[in-house]
Amino acid sequence: MKIRSKRRGPLVIADAKLRLRPGEVVRVTAVTPQMQGALRRGLLEEVPEDTPVGAPEAPKAAPPAPAEYDRLSVAETIEQVGEETDAKKLEALLLTEKRKTVIEALKHRLQEVKPGGTH
C-alpha cells in the first residue's frame, strides 16, 4: 500500500517511524493505529501503486526583487530605474513591483535597454 501526506507541514507517524514531508509518497507494509487515525482525519490518503515514491518537486520561486528598491520612494526608484542598464534586473523588478508609476518607468527603460530598443 502507498500513502501520501496531505498536510502542509511535516507529518510524523511515530508508531511506523515515519516523517513525511508535504505531498511525500511512501510504501508501507502494514497500517498502524496512528496511520489509520491519520487516514480518517484526512492527513493521509491512499494512492495507486503506480504513484512514484518520494516527495514532489518544489515549485521554482520567482527571482527575488533587489532589496534596495523596496525601501526607496517612488521618485527615488524611478530615478534608479532610469540609470539601470541590466535588462535581467529590470525584468526581475517588473515581476515584483506593485507601484503603477514605477511599473511604467520599468517598461519604458526596458524598451531603451533591450537590443533594438529606442535607446
PDB file of N, CA and C in Angstrom:
ATOM      1  N   MET A   1       0.857  -1.182   0.000  1.00  0.00           N
ATOM      2  CA  MET A   1       0.000   0.000   0.000  1.00  0.00           C
ATOM      3  C   MET A   1       0.898   1.239   0.000  1.00  0.00           C
ATOM      4  N   LYS A   2       0.504   2.252  -0.773  1.00  0.00           N
ATOM      5  CA  LYS A   2       1.219   3.521  -0.792  1.00  0.00           C
ATOM      6  C   LYS A   2       0.315   4.602  -0.211  1.00  0.00           C
ATOM      7  N   ILE A   3       0.938   5.518   0.554  1.00  0.00           N
ATOM      8  CA  ILE A   3       0.196   6.619   1.160  1.00  0.00           C
ATOM      9  C   ILE A   3       0.901   7.926   0.848  1.00  0.00           C
ATOM     10  N   ARG A   4       0.119   9.023   0.864  1.00  0.00           N
ATOM     11  CA  ARG A   4       0.645  10.365   0.612  1.00  0.00           C
ATOM     12  C   ARG A   4       0.210  11.282   1.750  1.00  0.00           C
ATOM     13  N   SER A   5       1.137  12.118   2.197  1.00  0.00           N
ATOM     14  CA  SER A   5       0.829  13.112   3.219  1.00  0.00           C
ATOM     15  C   SER A   5       0.073  14.265   2.570  1.00  0.00           C
ATOM     16  N   LYS A   6      -1.025  14.677   3.200  1.00  0.00           N
ATOM     17  CA  LYS A   6      -1.808  15.804   2.698  1.00  0.00           C
ATOM     18  C   LYS A   6      -1.628  17.049   3.568  1.00  0.00           C
ATOM     19  N   ARG A   7      -0.765  16.951   4.578  1.00  0.00           N
ATOM     20  CA  ARG A   7      -0.511  18.091   5.454  1.00  0.00           C
ATOM     21  C   ARG A   7       0.364  19.120   4.788  1.00  0.00           C
ATOM     22  N   ARG A   8       0.227  20.380   5.198  1.00  0.00           N
ATOM     23  CA  ARG A   8       1.086  21.451   4.672  1.00  0.00           C
ATOM     24  C   ARG A   8       2.483  21.367   5.250  1.00  0.00           C
ATOM     25  N   GLY A   9       2.600  20.849   6.448  1.00  0.00           N
ATOM     26  CA  GLY A   9       3.897  20.723   7.110  1.00  0.00           C
ATOM     27  C   GLY A   9       4.260  19.260   7.265  1.00  0.00           C
ATOM     28  N   PRO A  10       5.340  18.978   7.989  1.00  0.00           N
ATOM     29  CA  PRO A  10       5.748  17.593   8.193  1.00  0.00           C
ATOM     30  C   PRO A  10       4.694  16.806   8.969  1.00  0.00           C
ATOM     31  N   LEU A  11       4.596  15.526   8.669  1.00  0.00           N
ATOM     32  CA  LEU A  11       3.664  14.635   9.362  1.00  0.00           C
ATOM     33  C   LEU A  11       4.474  13.495   9.959  1.00  0.00           C
ATOM     34  N   VAL A  12       4.411  13.347  11.281  1.00  0.00           N
ATOM     35  CA  VAL A  12       5.148  12.299  11.972  1.00  0.00           C
ATOM     36  C   VAL A  12       4.159  11.223  12.392  1.00  0.00           C
ATOM     37  N   ILE A  13       4.477   9.996  12.004  1.00  0.00           N
ATOM     38  CA  ILE A  13       3.696   8.833  12.436  1.00  0.00           C
ATOM     39  C   ILE A  13       4.657   7.987  13.254  1.00  0.00           C
ATOM     40  N   ALA A  14       4.619   8.196  14.563  1.00  0.00           N
ATOM     41  CA  ALA A  14       5.622   7.631  15.460  1.00  0.00           C
ATOM     42  C   ALA A  14       5.619   6.105  15.460  1.00  0.00           C
ATOM     43  N   ASP A  15       4.444   5.473  15.497  1.00  0.00           N
ATOM     44  CA  ASP A  15       4.431   4.019  15.610  1.00  0.00           C
ATOM     45  C   ASP A  15       4.918   3.315  14.335  1.00  0.00           C
ATOM     46  N   ALA A  16       5.006   4.046  13.219  1.00  0.00           N
ATOM     47  CA  ALA A  16       5.557   3.482  11.982  1.00  0.00           C
ATOM     48  C   ALA A  16       6.959   4.030  11.702  1.00  0.00           C
ATOM     49  N   LYS A  17       7.446   4.906  12.596  1.00  0.00           N
ATOM     50  CA  LYS A  17       8.760   5.553  12.443  1.00  0.00           C
ATOM     51  C   LYS A  17       8.876   6.258  11.095  1.00  0.00           C
ATOM     52  N   LEU A  18       7.837   7.059  10.780  1.00  0.00           N
ATOM     53  CA  LEU A  18       7.803   7.812   9.525  1.00  0.00           C
ATOM     54  C   LEU A  18       7.762   9.304   9.817  1.00  0.00           C
ATOM     55  N   ARG A  19       8.454  10.055   8.979  1.00  0.00           N
ATOM     56  CA  ARG A  19       8.353  11.521   8.981  1.00  0.00           C
ATOM     57  C   ARG A  19       8.174  11.916   7.526  1.00  0.00           C
ATOM     58  N   LEU A  20       6.969  12.375   7.186  1.00  0.00           N
ATOM     59  CA  LEU A  20       6.631  12.679   5.802  1.00  0.00           C
ATOM     60  C   LEU A  20       6.616  14.177   5.568  1.00  0.00           C
ATOM     61  N   ARG A  21       7.204  14.583   4.440  1.00  0.00           N
ATOM     62  CA  ARG A  21       7.118  15.976   4.008  1.00  0.00           C
ATOM     63  C   ARG A  21       5.792  16.179   3.284  1.00  0.00           C
ATOM     64  N   PRO A  22       5.367  17.419   3.093  1.00  0.00           N
ATOM     65  CA  PRO A  22       4.101  17.667   2.385  1.00  0.00           C
ATOM     66  C   PRO A  22       4.109  17.026   1.000  1.00  0.00           C
ATOM     67  N   GLY A  23       3.086  16.205   0.716  1.00  0.00           N
ATOM     68  CA  GLY A  23       2.947  15.565  -0.592  1.00  0.00           C
ATOM     69  C   GLY A  23       3.811  14.341  -0.796  1.00  0.00           C
ATOM     70  N   GLU A  24       4.598  13.957   0.198  1.00  0.00           N
ATOM     71  CA  GLU A  24       5.504  12.813   0.042  1.00  0.00           C
ATOM     72  C   GLU A  24       4.720  11.500   0.003  1.00  0.00           C
ATOM     73  N   VAL A  25       5.147  10.603  -0.890  1.00  0.00           N
ATOM     74  CA  VAL A  25       4.524   9.293  -1.041  1.00  0.00           C
ATOM     75  C   VAL A  25       5.502   8.233  -0.542  1.00  0.00           C
ATOM     76  N   VAL A  26       4.993   7.299   0.284  1.00  0.00           N
ATOM     77  CA  VAL A  26       5.817   6.184   0.776  1.00  0.00           C
ATOM     78  C   VAL A  26       5.029   4.885   0.664  1.00  0.00           C
ATOM     79  N   ARG A  27       5.785   3.791   0.553  1.00  0.00           N
ATOM     80  CA  ARG A  27       5.174   2.457   0.565  1.00  0.00           C
ATOM     81  C   ARG A  27       5.227   1.942   1.996  1.00  0.00           C
ATOM     82  N   VAL A  28       4.116   1.404   2.480  1.00  0.00           N
ATOM     83  CA  VAL A  28       4.060   0.821   3.819  1.00  0.00           C
ATOM     84  C   VAL A  28       3.623  -0.632   3.705  1.00  0.00           C
ATOM     85  N   THR A  29       4.166  -1.459   4.594  1.00  0.00           N
ATOM     86  CA  THR A  29       3.822  -2.884   4.569  1.00  0.00           C
ATOM     87  C   THR A  29       2.607  -3.182   5.444  1.00  0.00           C
ATOM     88  N   ALA A  30       2.439  -2.393   6.495  1.00  0.00           N
ATOM     89  CA  ALA A  30       1.302  -2.605   7.400  1.00  0.00           C
ATOM     90  C   ALA A  30       0.770  -1.249   7.842  1.00  0.00           C
ATOM     91  N   VAL A  31      -0.541  -1.189   8.056  1.00  0.00           N
ATOM     92  CA  VAL A  31      -1.176   0.041   8.525  1.00  0.00           C
ATOM     93  C   VAL A  31      -1.207   0.007  10.045  1.00  0.00           C
ATOM     94  N   THR A  32      -0.579   1.021  10.660  1.00  0.00           N
ATOM     95  CA  THR A  32      -0.517   1.106  12.117  1.00  0.00           C
ATOM     96  C   THR A  32      -1.726   1.876  12.640  1.00  0.00           C
ATOM     97  N   PRO A  33      -1.994   1.815  13.938  1.00  0.00           N
ATOM     98  CA  PRO A  33      -3.119   2.562  14.500  1.00  0.00           C
ATOM     99  C   PRO A  33      -3.030   4.075  14.232  1.00  0.00           C
ATOM    100  N   GLN A  34      -1.835   4.659  14.332  1.00  0.00           N
ATOM    101  CA  GLN A  34      -1.700   6.091  14.068  1.00  0.00           C
ATOM    102  C   GLN A  34      -1.944   6.410  12.593  1.00  0.00           C
ATOM    103  N   MET A  35      -1.538   5.511  11.713  1.00  0.00           N
ATOM    104  CA  MET A  35      -1.818   5.700  10.281  1.00  0.00           C
ATOM    105  C   MET A  35      -3.320   5.669  10.022  1.00  0.00           C
ATOM    106  N   GLN A  36      -4.014   4.728  10.660  1.00  0.00           N
ATOM    107  CA  GLN A  36      -5.470   4.647  10.497  1.00  0.00           C
ATOM    108  C   GLN A  36      -6.127   5.950  10.940  1.00  0.00           C
ATOM    109  N   GLY A  37      -5.669   6.499  12.070  1.00  0.00           N
ATOM    110  CA  GLY A  37      -6.210   7.763  12.558  1.00  0.00           C
ATOM    111  C   GLY A  37      -5.931   8.904  11.586  1.00  0.00           C
ATOM    112  N   ALA A  38      -4.723   8.935  11.047  1.00  0.00           N
ATOM    113  CA  ALA A  38      -4.359   9.995  10.090  1.00  0.00           C
ATOM    114  C   ALA A  38      -5.164   9.858   8.794  1.00  0.00           C
ATOM    115  N   LEU A  39      -5.416   8.630   8.366  1.00  0.00           N
ATOM    116  CA  LEU A  39      -6.246   8.403   7.169  1.00  0.00           C
ATOM    117  C   LEU A  39      -7.673   8.887   7.414  1.00  0.00           C
ATOM    118  N   ARG A  40      -8.229   8.574   8.602  1.00  0.00           N
ATOM    119  CA  ARG A  40      -9.599   9.007   8.931  1.00  0.00           C
ATOM    120  C   ARG A  40      -9.715  10.521   9.005  1.00  0.00           C
ATOM    121  N   ARG A  41      -8.695  11.180   9.551  1.00  0.00           N
ATOM    122  CA  ARG A  41      -8.724  12.640   9.704  1.00  0.00           C
ATOM    123  C   ARG A  41      -8.349  13.377   8.424  1.00  0.00           C
ATOM    124  N   GLY A  42      -7.953  12.660   7.389  1.00  0.00           N
ATOM    125  CA  GLY A  42      -7.620  13.296   6.114  1.00  0.00           C
ATOM    126  C   GLY A  42      -6.202  13.830   6.031  1.00  0.00           C
ATOM    127  N   LEU A  43      -5.338  13.429   6.972  1.00  0.00           N
ATOM    128  CA  LEU A  43      -3.943  13.859   6.924  1.00  0.00           C
ATOM    129  C   LEU A  43      -3.134  13.011   5.940  1.00  0.00           C
ATOM    130  N   LEU A  44      -3.612  11.794   5.700  1.00  0.00           N
ATOM    131  CA  LEU A  44      -3.006  10.873   4.747  1.00  0.00           C
ATOM    132  C   LEU A  44      -4.061  10.435   3.757  1.00  0.00           C
ATOM    133  N   GLU A  45      -3.593  10.018   2.582  1.00  0.00           N
ATOM    134  CA  GLU A  45      -4.501   9.413   1.611  1.00  0.00           C
ATOM    135  C   GLU A  45      -3.815   8.223   0.979  1.00  0.00           C
ATOM    136  N   GLU A  46      -4.606   7.226   0.640  1.00  0.00           N
ATOM    137  CA  GLU A  46      -4.074   6.070  -0.067  1.00  0.00           C
ATOM    138  C   GLU A  46      -3.994   6.441  -1.545  1.00  0.00           C
ATOM    139  N   VAL A  47      -2.883   6.063  -2.191  1.00  0.00           N
ATOM    140  CA  VAL A  47      -2.675   6.399  -3.597  1.00  0.00           C
ATOM    141  C   VAL A  47      -2.456   5.114  -4.396  1.00  0.00           C
ATOM    142  N   PRO A  48      -2.663   5.164  -5.721  1.00  0.00           N
ATOM    143  CA  PRO A  48      -2.464   3.978  -6.557  1.00  0.00           C
ATOM    144  C   PRO A  48      -1.016   3.483  -6.486  1.00  0.00           C
ATOM    145  N   GLU A  49      -0.820   2.201  -6.729  1.00  0.00           N
ATOM    146  CA  GLU A  49       0.505   1.588  -6.660  1.00  0.00           C
ATOM    147  C   GLU A  49       1.480   2.156  -7.684  1.00  0.00           C
ATOM    148  N   ASP A  50       0.979   2.707  -8.798  1.00  0.00           N
ATOM    149  CA  ASP A  50       1.887   3.233  -9.819  1.00  0.00           C
ATOM    150  C   ASP A  50       2.364   4.660  -9.511  1.00  0.00           C
ATOM    151  N   THR A  51       1.929   5.239  -8.387  1.00  0.00           N
ATOM    152  CA  THR A  51       2.369   6.575  -7.979  1.00  0.00           C
ATOM    153  C   THR A  51       3.836   6.506  -7.564  1.00  0.00           C
ATOM    154  N   PRO A  52       4.683   7.416  -8.082  1.00  0.00           N
ATOM    155  CA  PRO A  52       6.106   7.373  -7.718  1.00  0.00           C
ATOM    156  C   PRO A  52       6.320   7.701  -6.242  1.00  0.00           C
ATOM    157  N   VAL A  53       7.271   7.012  -5.638  1.00  0.00           N
ATOM    158  CA  VAL A  53       7.607   7.200  -4.227  1.00  0.00           C
ATOM    159  C   VAL A  53       8.531   8.410  -4.098  1.00  0.00           C
ATOM    160  N   GLY A  54       8.350   9.182  -3.029  1.00  0.00           N
ATOM    161  CA  GLY A  54       9.212  10.334  -2.761  1.00  0.00           C
ATOM    162  C   GLY A  54       8.392  11.600  -2.615  1.00  0.00           C
ATOM    163  N   ALA A  55       9.094  12.685  -2.333  1.00  0.00           N
ATOM    164  CA  ALA A  55       8.454  13.991  -2.174  1.00  0.00           C
ATOM    165  C   ALA A  55       8.326  14.650  -3.540  1.00  0.00           C
ATOM    166  N   PRO A  56       7.260  15.442  -3.752  1.00  0.00           N
ATOM    167  CA  PRO A  56       7.123  16.152  -5.027  1.00  0.00           C
ATOM    168  C   PRO A  56       8.193  17.224  -5.160  1.00  0.00           C
ATOM    169  N   GLU A  57       8.498  17.593  -6.399  1.00  0.00           N
ATOM    170  CA  GLU A  57       9.478  18.647  -6.630  1.00  0.00           C
ATOM    171  C   GLU A  57       8.909  19.976  -6.155  1.00  0.00           C
ATOM    172  N   ALA A  58       9.753  20.752  -5.540  1.00  0.00           N
ATOM    173  CA  ALA A  58       9.331  22.065  -5.061  1.00  0.00           C
ATOM    174  C   ALA A  58       9.156  22.997  -6.254  1.00  0.00           C
ATOM    175  N   PRO A  59       8.104  23.827  -6.253  1.00  0.00           N
ATOM    176  CA  PRO A  59       7.937  24.767  -7.359  1.00  0.00           C
ATOM    177  C   PRO A  59       9.054  25.798  -7.350  1.00  0.00           C
ATOM    178  N   LYS A  60       9.447  26.231  -8.535  1.00  0.00           N
ATOM    179  CA  LYS A  60      10.507  27.230  -8.640  1.00  0.00           C
ATOM    180  C   LYS A  60       9.957  28.597  -8.246  1.00  0.00           C
ATOM    181  N   ALA A  61      10.677  29.241  -7.374  1.00  0.00           N
ATOM    182  CA  ALA A  61      10.254  30.558  -6.899  1.00  0.00           C
ATOM    183  C   ALA A  61      10.640  31.630  -7.912  1.00  0.00           C
ATOM    184  N   ALA A  62       9.881  32.700  -7.911  1.00  0.00           N
ATOM    185  CA  ALA A  62      10.207  33.841  -8.768  1.00  0.00           C
ATOM    186  C   ALA A  62      11.502  34.462  -8.252  1.00  0.00           C
ATOM    187  N   PRO A  63      12.294  35.038  -9.126  1.00  0.00           N
ATOM    188  CA  PRO A  63      13.529  35.655  -8.647  1.00  0.00           C
ATOM    189  C   PRO A  63      13.219  36.791  -7.676  1.00  0.00           C
ATOM    190  N   PRO A  64      13.965  36.874  -6.586  1.00  0.00           N
ATOM    191  CA  PRO A  64      13.680  37.927  -5.610  1.00  0.00           C
ATOM    192  C   PRO A  64      13.991  39.303  -6.179  1.00  0.00           C
ATOM    193  N   ALA A  65      13.198  40.260  -5.773  1.00  0.00           N
ATOM    194  CA  ALA A  65      13.420  41.640  -6.217  1.00  0.00           C
ATOM    195  C   ALA A  65      14.640  42.183  -5.497  1.00  0.00           C
ATOM    196  N   PRO A  66      15.439  42.963  -6.180  1.00  0.00           N
ATOM    197  CA  PRO A  66      16.561  43.588  -5.479  1.00  0.00           C
ATOM    198  C   PRO A  66      16.044  44.402  -4.296  1.00  0.00           C
ATOM    199  N   ALA A  67      16.602  44.156  -3.140  1.00  0.00           N
ATOM    200  CA  ALA A  67      16.082  44.721  -1.893  1.00  0.00           C
ATOM    201  C   ALA A  67      16.179  46.239  -1.828  1.00  0.00           C
ATOM    202  N   GLU A  68      17.166  46.817  -2.492  1.00  0.00           N
ATOM    203  CA  GLU A  68      17.353  48.255  -2.334  1.00  0.00           C
ATOM    204  C   GLU A  68      16.164  49.060  -2.870  1.00  0.00           C
ATOM    205  N   TYR A  69      15.441  48.542  -3.843  1.00  0.00           N
ATOM    206  CA  TYR A  69      14.305  49.277  -4.412  1.00  0.00           C
ATOM    207  C   TYR A  69      13.077  49.244  -3.503  1.00  0.00           C
ATOM    208  N   ASP A  70      12.988  48.232  -2.654  1.00  0.00           N
ATOM    209  CA  ASP A  70      11.840  48.108  -1.755  1.00  0.00           C
ATOM    210  C   ASP A  70      11.748  49.274  -0.778  1.00  0.00           C
ATOM    211  N   ARG A  71      12.890  49.824  -0.408  1.00  0.00           N
ATOM    212  CA  ARG A  71      12.916  50.858   0.622  1.00  0.00           C
ATOM    213  C   ARG A  71      12.885  52.271   0.060  1.00  0.00           C
ATOM    214  N   LEU A  72      12.970  52.399  -1.255  1.00  0.00           N
ATOM    215  CA  LEU A  72      13.018  53.733  -1.850  1.00  0.00           C
ATOM    216  C   LEU A  72      11.616  54.276  -2.120  1.00  0.00           C
ATOM    217  N   SER A  73      11.515  55.583  -2.152  1.00  0.00           N
ATOM    218  CA  SER A  73      10.249  56.211  -2.530  1.00  0.00           C
ATOM    219  C   SER A  73      10.045  56.004  -4.018  1.00  0.00           C
ATOM    220  N   VAL A  74       8.859  56.329  -4.522  1.00  0.00           N
ATOM    221  CA  VAL A  74       8.559  56.171  -5.941  1.00  0.00           C
ATOM    222  C   VAL A  74       9.523  56.996  -6.779  1.00  0.00           C
ATOM    223  N   ALA A  75       9.725  58.250  -6.413  1.00  0.00           N
ATOM    224  CA  ALA A  75      10.606  59.131  -7.189  1.00  0.00           C
ATOM    225  C   ALA A  75      12.043  58.605  -7.211  1.00  0.00           C
ATOM    226  N   GLU A  76      12.530  58.152  -6.055  1.00  0.00           N
ATOM    227  CA  GLU A  76      13.890  57.617  -5.993  1.00  0.00           C
ATOM    228  C   GLU A  76      14.016  56.333  -6.811  1.00  0.00           C
ATOM    229  N   THR A  77      13.000  55.488  -6.750  1.00  0.00           N
ATOM    230  CA  THR A  77      13.020  54.237  -7.514  1.00  0.00           C
ATOM    231  C   THR A  77      13.042  54.521  -9.000  1.00  0.00           C
ATOM    232  N   ILE A  78      12.205  55.453  -9.461  1.00  0.00           N
ATOM    233  CA  ILE A  78      12.165  55.791 -10.886  1.00  0.00           C
ATOM    234  C   ILE A  78      13.511  56.351 -11.334  1.00  0.00           C
ATOM    235  N   GLU A  79      14.142  57.145 -10.483  1.00  0.00           N
ATOM    236  CA  GLU A  79      15.469  57.688 -10.812  1.00  0.00           C
ATOM    237  C   GLU A  79      16.491  56.555 -10.955  1.00  0.00           C
ATOM    238  N   GLN A  80      16.449  55.583 -10.027  1.00  0.00           N
ATOM    239  CA  GLN A  80      17.368  54.444 -10.091  1.00  0.00           C
ATOM    240  C   GLN A  80      17.106  53.591 -11.333  1.00  0.00           C
ATOM    241  N   VAL A  81      15.830  53.390 -11.656  1.00  0.00           N
ATOM    242  CA  VAL A  81      15.459  52.615 -12.845  1.00  0.00           C
ATOM    243  C   VAL A  81      16.002  53.286 -14.099  1.00  0.00           C
ATOM    244  N   GLY A  82      15.960  54.606 -14.140  1.00  0.00           N
ATOM    245  CA  GLY A  82      16.468  55.347 -15.291  1.00  0.00           C
ATOM    246  C   GLY A  82      17.958  55.169 -15.511  1.00  0.00           C
ATOM    247  N   GLU A  83      18.682  54.825 -14.460  1.00  0.00           N
ATOM    248  CA  GLU A  83      20.124  54.637 -14.560  1.00  0.00           C
ATOM    249  C   GLU A  83      20.519  53.176 -14.771  1.00  0.00           C
ATOM    250  N   GLU A  84      19.571  52.249 -14.572  1.00  0.00           N
ATOM    251  CA  GLU A  84      19.862  50.810 -14.669  1.00  0.00           C
ATOM    252  C   GLU A  84      20.067  50.392 -16.123  1.00  0.00           C
ATOM    253  N   THR A  85      21.105  49.560 -16.370  1.00  0.00           N
ATOM    254  CA  THR A  85      21.386  49.101 -17.739  1.00  0.00           C
ATOM    255  C   THR A  85      21.248  47.587 -17.888  1.00  0.00           C
ATOM    256  N   ASP A  86      20.989  46.864 -16.803  1.00  0.00           N
ATOM    257  CA  ASP A  86      20.862  45.409 -16.855  1.00  0.00           C
ATOM    258  C   ASP A  86      19.405  45.021 -17.102  1.00  0.00           C
ATOM    259  N   ALA A  87      19.121  44.484 -18.296  1.00  0.00           N
ATOM    260  CA  ALA A  87      17.751  44.133 -18.667  1.00  0.00           C
ATOM    261  C   ALA A  87      17.178  43.045 -17.761  1.00  0.00           C
ATOM    262  N   LYS A  88      18.012  42.081 -17.361  1.00  0.00           N
ATOM    263  CA  LYS A  88      17.523  40.996 -16.491  1.00  0.00           C
ATOM    264  C   LYS A  88      17.087  41.529 -15.131  1.00  0.00           C
ATOM    265  N   LYS A  89      17.831  42.470 -14.610  1.00  0.00           N
ATOM    266  CA  LYS A  89      17.477  43.068 -13.314  1.00  0.00           C
ATOM    267  C   LYS A  89      16.172  43.852 -13.439  1.00  0.00           C
ATOM    268  N   LEU A  90      16.016  44.572 -14.541  1.00  0.00           N
ATOM    269  CA  LEU A  90      14.775  45.330 -14.775  1.00  0.00           C
ATOM    270  C   LEU A  90      13.585  44.385 -14.902  1.00  0.00           C
ATOM    271  N   GLU A  91      13.773  43.252 -15.599  1.00  0.00           N
ATOM    272  CA  GLU A  91      12.676  42.280 -15.749  1.00  0.00           C
ATOM    273  C   GLU A  91      12.306  41.668 -14.408  1.00  0.00           C
ATOM    274  N   ALA A  92      13.299  41.374 -13.561  1.00  0.00           N
ATOM    275  CA  ALA A  92      13.024  40.833 -12.226  1.00  0.00           C
ATOM    276  C   ALA A  92      12.236  41.834 -11.393  1.00  0.00           C
ATOM    277  N   LEU A  93      12.606  43.102 -11.503  1.00  0.00           N
ATOM    278  CA  LEU A  93      11.870  44.147 -10.779  1.00  0.00           C
ATOM    279  C   LEU A  93      10.431  44.250 -11.276  1.00  0.00           C
ATOM    280  N   LEU A  94      10.252  44.123 -12.585  1.00  0.00           N
ATOM    281  CA  LEU A  94       8.920  44.238 -13.179  1.00  0.00           C
ATOM    282  C   LEU A  94       7.986  43.144 -12.663  1.00  0.00           C
ATOM    283  N   LEU A  95       8.523  41.960 -12.371  1.00  0.00           N
ATOM    284  CA  LEU A  95       7.704  40.853 -11.869  1.00  0.00           C
ATOM    285  C   LEU A  95       7.194  41.090 -10.456  1.00  0.00           C
ATOM    286  N   THR A  96       7.937  41.867  -9.665  1.00  0.00           N
ATOM    287  CA  THR A  96       7.568  42.023  -8.256  1.00  0.00           C
ATOM    288  C   THR A  96       7.048  43.404  -7.886  1.00  0.00           C
ATOM    289  N   GLU A  97       7.286  44.397  -8.727  1.00  0.00           N
ATOM    290  CA  GLU A  97       6.887  45.775  -8.406  1.00  0.00           C
ATOM    291  C   GLU A  97       5.366  45.921  -8.450  1.00  0.00           C
ATOM    292  N   LYS A  98       4.817  46.675  -7.505  1.00  0.00           N
ATOM    293  CA  LYS A  98       3.376  46.888  -7.417  1.00  0.00           C
ATOM    294  C   LYS A  98       2.953  48.329  -7.717  1.00  0.00           C
ATOM    295  N   ARG A  99       3.892  49.264  -7.645  1.00  0.00           N
ATOM    296  CA  ARG A  99       3.561  50.677  -7.850  1.00  0.00           C
ATOM    297  C   ARG A  99       3.435  50.969  -9.348  1.00  0.00           C
ATOM    298  N   LYS A 100       2.273  51.494  -9.748  1.00  0.00           N
ATOM    299  CA  LYS A 100       1.964  51.695 -11.166  1.00  0.00           C
ATOM    300  C   LYS A 100       2.967  52.585 -11.883  1.00  0.00           C
ATOM    301  N   THR A 101       3.341  53.689 -11.272  1.00  0.00           N
ATOM    302  CA  THR A 101       4.260  54.604 -11.945  1.00  0.00           C
ATOM    303  C   THR A 101       5.645  53.986 -12.103  1.00  0.00           C
ATOM    304  N   VAL A 102       6.045  53.185 -11.140  1.00  0.00           N
ATOM    305  CA  VAL A 102       7.337  52.507 -11.241  1.00  0.00           C
ATOM    306  C   VAL A 102       7.272  51.436 -12.333  1.00  0.00           C
ATOM    307  N   ILE A 103       6.157  50.732 -12.431  1.00  0.00           N
ATOM    308  CA  ILE A 103       5.984  49.717 -13.477  1.00  0.00           C
ATOM    309  C   ILE A 103       6.100  50.361 -14.855  1.00  0.00           C
ATOM    310  N   GLU A 104       5.470  51.509 -15.033  1.00  0.00           N
ATOM    311  CA  GLU A 104       5.559  52.213 -16.320  1.00  0.00           C
ATOM    312  C   GLU A 104       7.002  52.626 -16.621  1.00  0.00           C
ATOM    313  N   ALA A 105       7.715  53.116 -15.591  1.00  0.00           N
ATOM    314  CA  ALA A 105       9.117  53.506 -15.776  1.00  0.00           C
ATOM    315  C   ALA A 105       9.967  52.288 -16.128  1.00  0.00           C
ATOM    316  N   LEU A 106       9.682  51.153 -15.498  1.00  0.00           N
ATOM    317  CA  LEU A 106      10.418  49.930 -15.795  1.00  0.00           C
ATOM    318  C   LEU A 106      10.196  49.486 -17.241  1.00  0.00           C
ATOM    319  N   LYS A 107       8.938  49.519 -17.676  1.00  0.00           N
ATOM    320  CA  LYS A 107       8.626  49.122 -19.059  1.00  0.00           C
ATOM    321  C   LYS A 107       9.333  50.032 -20.055  1.00  0.00           C
ATOM    322  N   HIS A 108       9.302  51.322 -19.796  1.00  0.00           N
ATOM    323  CA  HIS A 108       9.946  52.291 -20.682  1.00  0.00           C
ATOM    324  C   HIS A 108      11.459  52.058 -20.729  1.00  0.00           C
ATOM    325  N   ARG A 109      12.061  51.847 -19.561  1.00  0.00           N
ATOM    326  CA  ARG A 109      13.513  51.646 -19.507  1.00  0.00           C
ATOM    327  C   ARG A 109      13.908  50.330 -20.174  1.00  0.00           C
ATOM    328  N   LEU A 110      13.078  49.292 -20.023  1.00  0.00           N
ATOM    329  CA  LEU A 110      13.361  48.016 -20.676  1.00  0.00           C
ATOM    330  C   LEU A 110      13.402  48.181 -22.192  1.00  0.00           C
ATOM    331  N   GLN A 111      12.491  48.977 -22.736  1.00  0.00           N
ATOM    332  CA  GLN A 111      12.493  49.223 -24.179  1.00  0.00           C
ATOM    333  C   GLN A 111      13.777  49.913 -24.608  1.00  0.00           C
ATOM    334  N   GLU A 112      14.289  50.801 -23.770  1.00  0.00           N
ATOM    335  CA  GLU A 112      15.525  51.510 -24.097  1.00  0.00           C
ATOM    336  C   GLU A 112      16.751  50.604 -24.006  1.00  0.00           C
ATOM    337  N   VAL A 113      16.768  49.709 -23.012  1.00  0.00           N
ATOM    338  CA  VAL A 113      17.940  48.889 -22.720  1.00  0.00           C
ATOM    339  C   VAL A 113      18.044  47.660 -23.620  1.00  0.00           C
ATOM    340  N   LYS A 114      16.913  47.052 -23.966  1.00  0.00           N
ATOM    341  CA  LYS A 114      16.933  45.832 -24.779  1.00  0.00           C
ATOM    342  C   LYS A 114      17.504  46.117 -26.161  1.00  0.00           C
ATOM    343  N   PRO A 115      18.187  45.125 -26.751  1.00  0.00           N
ATOM    344  CA  PRO A 115      18.700  45.305 -28.119  1.00  0.00           C
ATOM    345  C   PRO A 115      17.566  45.639 -29.076  1.00  0.00           C
ATOM    346  N   GLY A 116      17.776  46.612 -29.922  1.00  0.00           N
ATOM    347  CA  GLY A 116      16.737  47.031 -30.866  1.00  0.00           C
ATOM    348  C   GLY A 116      15.736  47.971 -30.242  1.00  0.00           C
ATOM    349  N   GLY A 117      16.016  48.438 -29.020  1.00  0.00           N
ATOM    350  CA  GLY A 117      15.101  49.345 -28.332  1.00  0.00           C
ATOM    351  C   GLY A 117      15.216  50.753 -28.871  1.00  0.00           C
ATOM    352  N   THR A 118      14.590  51.708 -28.193  1.00  0.00           N
ATOM    353  CA  THR A 118      14.551  53.100 -28.647  1.00  0.00           C
ATOM    354  C   THR A 118      15.675  53.925 -28.034  1.00  0.00           C
ATOM    355  N   HIS A 119      16.748  53.305 -27.612  1.00  0.00           N
ATOM    356  CA  HIS A 119      17.845  53.988 -26.937  1.00  0.00           C
ATOM    357  C   HIS A 119      18.592  54.914 -27.845  1.00  0.00           C
TER     358      HIS A 119
END
